[in-house]
Amino acid sequence: MTSAAELVRDFVNTYDVEDDTDDLASPAELSVWLRERALTAPGDRATDDDLTLAVCLREGLRRALMAGLLQGDAQEALEEALRALPLRVRLTPAGPGLAPLAAGVRGGLAAIAAAVARAQADGTWRRLKVCAEGTCRWAFIDASKNRSRAWCSMRVCGNRTKTRAYRARQHRTRPS
């Protein structure tokens, strides 16, 4: 079973910034993505409006993970997407939480929003991050003990960033 943090991470990673590829490029692809994660029923079909909402939710979540706290237009765009989702408060023995109020594609997107609340409640939201490498922006779960990881991969993105910084320092210290 996928954890709440893993679901949010996987949803954010449906767009690959570096390769400029989008797993949600059409309503049909959104339908398949949600169905493969058991968030919708086999007959549920996404519309263009559903796709627009999904992209707004995804990119709002990416910005939230990058900034920690959203401000201004980014916060308003994410809140608008969240207001469009059919969510309700559900009381369980484990405590209150959010749950989709409806089925279908909007209900599947609402399940992703509910996963954000679950990740916050279980403490994994703070471990969700977006790679600090500007060309990457891949979401990852920071499993380091002190939550200090900045890159999705030290071998790739960390190395790129450190190499650029080294070259910039070398360029500044060379005599003209």
Protein backbone atom coordinates (compact mmCIF):
# COMPACT_ATOMS: atom_id res chain seq x y z
CA MET A 1 0.00 0.00 0.00
CA THR A 2 1.27 3.44 -0.94
CA SER A 3 1.74 5.89 1.92
CA ALA A 4 0.20 9.35 1.84
CA ALA A 5 3.60 10.96 1.24
CA GLU A 6 4.39 8.53 -1.59
CA LEU A 7 1.07 9.31 -3.29
CA VAL A 8 1.74 13.07 -3.12
CA ARG A 9 5.31 12.56 -4.35
CA ASP A 10 4.18 10.39 -7.25
CA PHE A 11 1.48 12.89 -8.22
CA VAL A 12 3.92 15.82 -8.21
CA ASN A 13 6.36 13.74 -10.28
CA THR A 14 3.83 13.25 -13.09
CA TYR A 15 5.58 16.25 -14.65
CA ASP A 16 9.30 15.89 -15.29
CA VAL A 17 10.73 19.43 -15.35
CA GLU A 18 14.11 18.35 -16.73
CA ASP A 19 12.72 16.38 -19.68
CA ASP A 20 9.58 18.52 -20.06
CA THR A 21 7.41 15.40 -20.15
CA ASP A 22 3.98 15.20 -18.62
CA ASP A 23 2.28 11.93 -17.66
CA LEU A 24 -0.97 13.94 -17.43
CA ALA A 25 -0.86 15.48 -20.90
CA SER A 26 -4.49 14.63 -21.66
CA PRO A 27 -7.71 13.85 -19.81
CA ALA A 28 -7.32 10.20 -20.83
CA GLU A 29 -3.86 10.02 -19.26
CA LEU A 30 -5.20 11.57 -16.05
CA SER A 31 -7.95 8.93 -15.99
CA VAL A 32 -5.41 6.13 -16.39
CA TRP A 33 -3.06 7.55 -13.73
CA LEU A 34 -5.88 7.80 -11.17
CA ARG A 35 -7.28 4.36 -12.06
CA GLU A 36 -3.84 2.69 -11.77
CA ARG A 37 -3.67 3.94 -8.18
CA ALA A 38 -7.22 2.80 -7.37
CA LEU A 39 -8.36 6.41 -6.90
CA THR A 40 -11.14 6.06 -9.49
CA ALA A 41 -13.32 3.31 -10.92
CA PRO A 42 -12.65 1.77 -14.35
CA GLY A 43 -15.47 3.71 -16.03
CA ASP A 44 -14.49 7.16 -14.71
CA ARG A 45 -13.36 9.55 -17.43
CA ALA A 46 -11.59 12.87 -16.91
CA THR A 47 -12.61 16.04 -18.72
CA ASP A 48 -10.51 19.00 -19.84
CA ASP A 49 -11.66 20.84 -16.69
CA ASP A 50 -10.53 17.90 -14.53
CA LEU A 51 -7.12 17.99 -16.22
CA THR A 52 -6.80 21.73 -15.63
CA LEU A 53 -7.66 21.22 -11.96
CA ALA A 54 -5.19 18.32 -11.65
CA VAL A 55 -2.33 20.35 -13.13
CA CYS A 56 -3.15 23.30 -10.87
CA LEU A 57 -3.18 20.98 -7.84
CA ARG A 58 0.08 19.29 -8.88
CA GLU A 59 2.00 22.50 -9.52
CA GLY A 60 0.60 24.10 -6.37
CA LEU A 61 1.83 21.13 -4.37
CA ARG A 62 5.25 21.34 -6.06
CA ARG A 63 5.53 25.01 -5.10
CA ALA A 64 4.37 24.22 -1.56
CA LEU A 65 7.07 21.56 -1.22
CA MET A 66 9.69 23.94 -2.63
CA ALA A 67 8.82 26.87 -0.41
CA GLY A 68 7.61 25.13 2.70
CA LEU A 69 4.92 27.75 3.04
CA LEU A 70 3.11 29.28 0.11
CA GLN A 71 2.55 32.99 -0.27
CA GLY A 72 0.75 35.27 -2.70
CA ASP A 73 -0.44 33.98 -6.06
CA ALA A 74 0.98 30.47 -5.55
CA GLN A 75 -0.98 30.03 -2.34
CA GLU A 76 -4.17 31.41 -3.88
CA ALA A 77 -3.90 29.07 -6.91
CA LEU A 78 -3.45 26.00 -4.69
CA GLU A 79 -6.28 27.04 -2.37
CA GLU A 80 -8.55 27.56 -5.39
CA ALA A 81 -7.78 24.05 -6.60
CA LEU A 82 -8.44 22.63 -3.13
CA ARG A 83 -11.78 24.48 -2.89
CA ALA A 84 -12.88 22.80 -6.13
CA LEU A 85 -12.41 19.32 -4.66
CA PRO A 86 -15.22 17.40 -2.93
CA LEU A 87 -13.75 16.87 0.54
CA ARG A 88 -15.30 16.32 3.94
CA VAL A 89 -14.03 15.89 7.46
CA ARG A 90 -14.26 12.27 8.58
CA LEU A 91 -14.07 11.13 12.17
CA THR A 92 -12.38 7.79 12.80
CA PRO A 93 -10.98 6.04 15.88
CA ALA A 94 -7.53 7.24 14.76
CA GLY A 95 -8.75 10.85 14.75
CA PRO A 96 -10.22 13.33 12.29
CA GLY A 97 -9.10 13.41 8.68
CA LEU A 98 -10.22 14.39 5.22
CA ALA A 99 -11.98 12.07 2.81
CA PRO A 100 -13.40 12.46 -0.70
CA LEU A 101 -17.07 13.36 -0.63
CA ALA A 102 -17.71 12.00 -4.12
CA ALA A 103 -16.39 9.36 -6.49
CA GLY A 104 -15.07 9.91 -10.00
CA VAL A 105 -12.11 11.94 -11.15
CA ARG A 106 -12.78 14.84 -8.76
CA GLY A 107 -13.02 12.31 -5.95
CA GLY A 108 -9.67 10.83 -7.01
CA LEU A 109 -8.08 14.28 -6.94
CA ALA A 110 -9.74 14.87 -3.56
CA ALA A 111 -8.05 11.67 -2.33
CA ILE A 112 -4.69 13.22 -3.24
CA ALA A 113 -5.59 16.35 -1.26
CA ALA A 114 -6.64 14.13 1.65
CA ALA A 115 -3.23 12.43 1.39
CA VAL A 116 -1.61 15.83 2.00
CA ALA A 117 -3.55 16.12 5.26
CA ARG A 118 -2.63 12.52 6.24
CA ALA A 119 1.05 13.19 5.49
CA GLN A 120 0.89 16.29 7.68
CA ALA A 121 -0.80 14.31 10.47
CA ASP A 122 1.68 11.41 10.35
CA GLY A 123 4.74 13.69 10.14
CA THR A 124 5.86 12.72 6.64
CA TRP A 125 4.85 16.03 5.01
CA ARG A 126 8.02 17.64 6.44
CA ARG A 127 10.05 14.92 4.73
CA LEU A 128 8.51 15.62 1.32
CA LYS A 129 10.80 17.94 -0.64
CA VAL A 130 11.52 19.10 -4.16
CA CYS A 131 15.05 18.81 -5.51
CA ALA A 132 17.00 22.05 -5.08
CA GLU A 133 18.58 21.60 -8.52
CA GLY A 134 16.77 24.17 -10.68
CA THR A 135 16.68 21.97 -13.76
CA CYS A 136 15.25 19.00 -11.87
CA ARG A 137 12.51 19.88 -9.33
CA TRP A 138 11.77 16.17 -8.75
CA ALA A 139 9.83 15.46 -5.55
CA PHE A 140 11.39 13.03 -3.09
CA ILE A 141 10.98 11.82 0.47
CA ASP A 142 13.93 12.85 2.62
CA ALA A 143 14.79 9.79 4.70
CA SER A 144 17.92 11.34 6.21
CA LYS A 145 18.04 11.41 9.99
CA ASN A 146 18.13 15.21 10.26
CA ARG A 147 15.98 15.97 7.19
CA SER A 148 18.83 17.88 5.54
CA ARG A 149 18.78 16.34 2.08
CA ALA A 150 18.49 18.96 -0.68
CA TRP A 151 18.70 16.90 -3.87
CA CYS A 152 16.79 13.94 -5.19
CA SER A 153 20.16 12.34 -5.99
CA MET A 154 23.56 13.38 -4.71
CA ARG A 155 25.21 11.55 -7.62
CA VAL A 156 23.31 13.51 -10.26
CA CYS A 157 21.72 16.72 -9.02
CA GLY A 158 24.00 17.29 -6.05
CA ASN A 159 27.03 16.74 -8.25
CA ARG A 160 25.72 19.19 -10.89
CA THR A 161 25.13 21.89 -8.32
CA LYS A 162 28.47 21.43 -6.59
CA THR A 163 30.36 21.31 -9.90
CA ARG A 164 28.74 24.57 -11.05
CA ALA A 165 29.60 26.25 -7.73
CA TYR A 166 33.21 25.00 -7.96
CA ARG A 167 33.59 26.30 -11.51
CA ALA A 168 32.10 29.66 -10.55
CA ARG A 169 34.57 29.97 -7.65
CA GLN A 170 37.47 29.03 -9.92
CA HIS A 171 36.38 31.55 -12.52
CA ARG A 172 36.23 34.35 -9.89
CA THR A 173 39.66 33.55 -8.45
CA ARG A 174 41.55 33.33 -11.76
CA PRO A 175 43.70 36.33 -12.54
CA SER A 176 42.59 38.26 -15.61
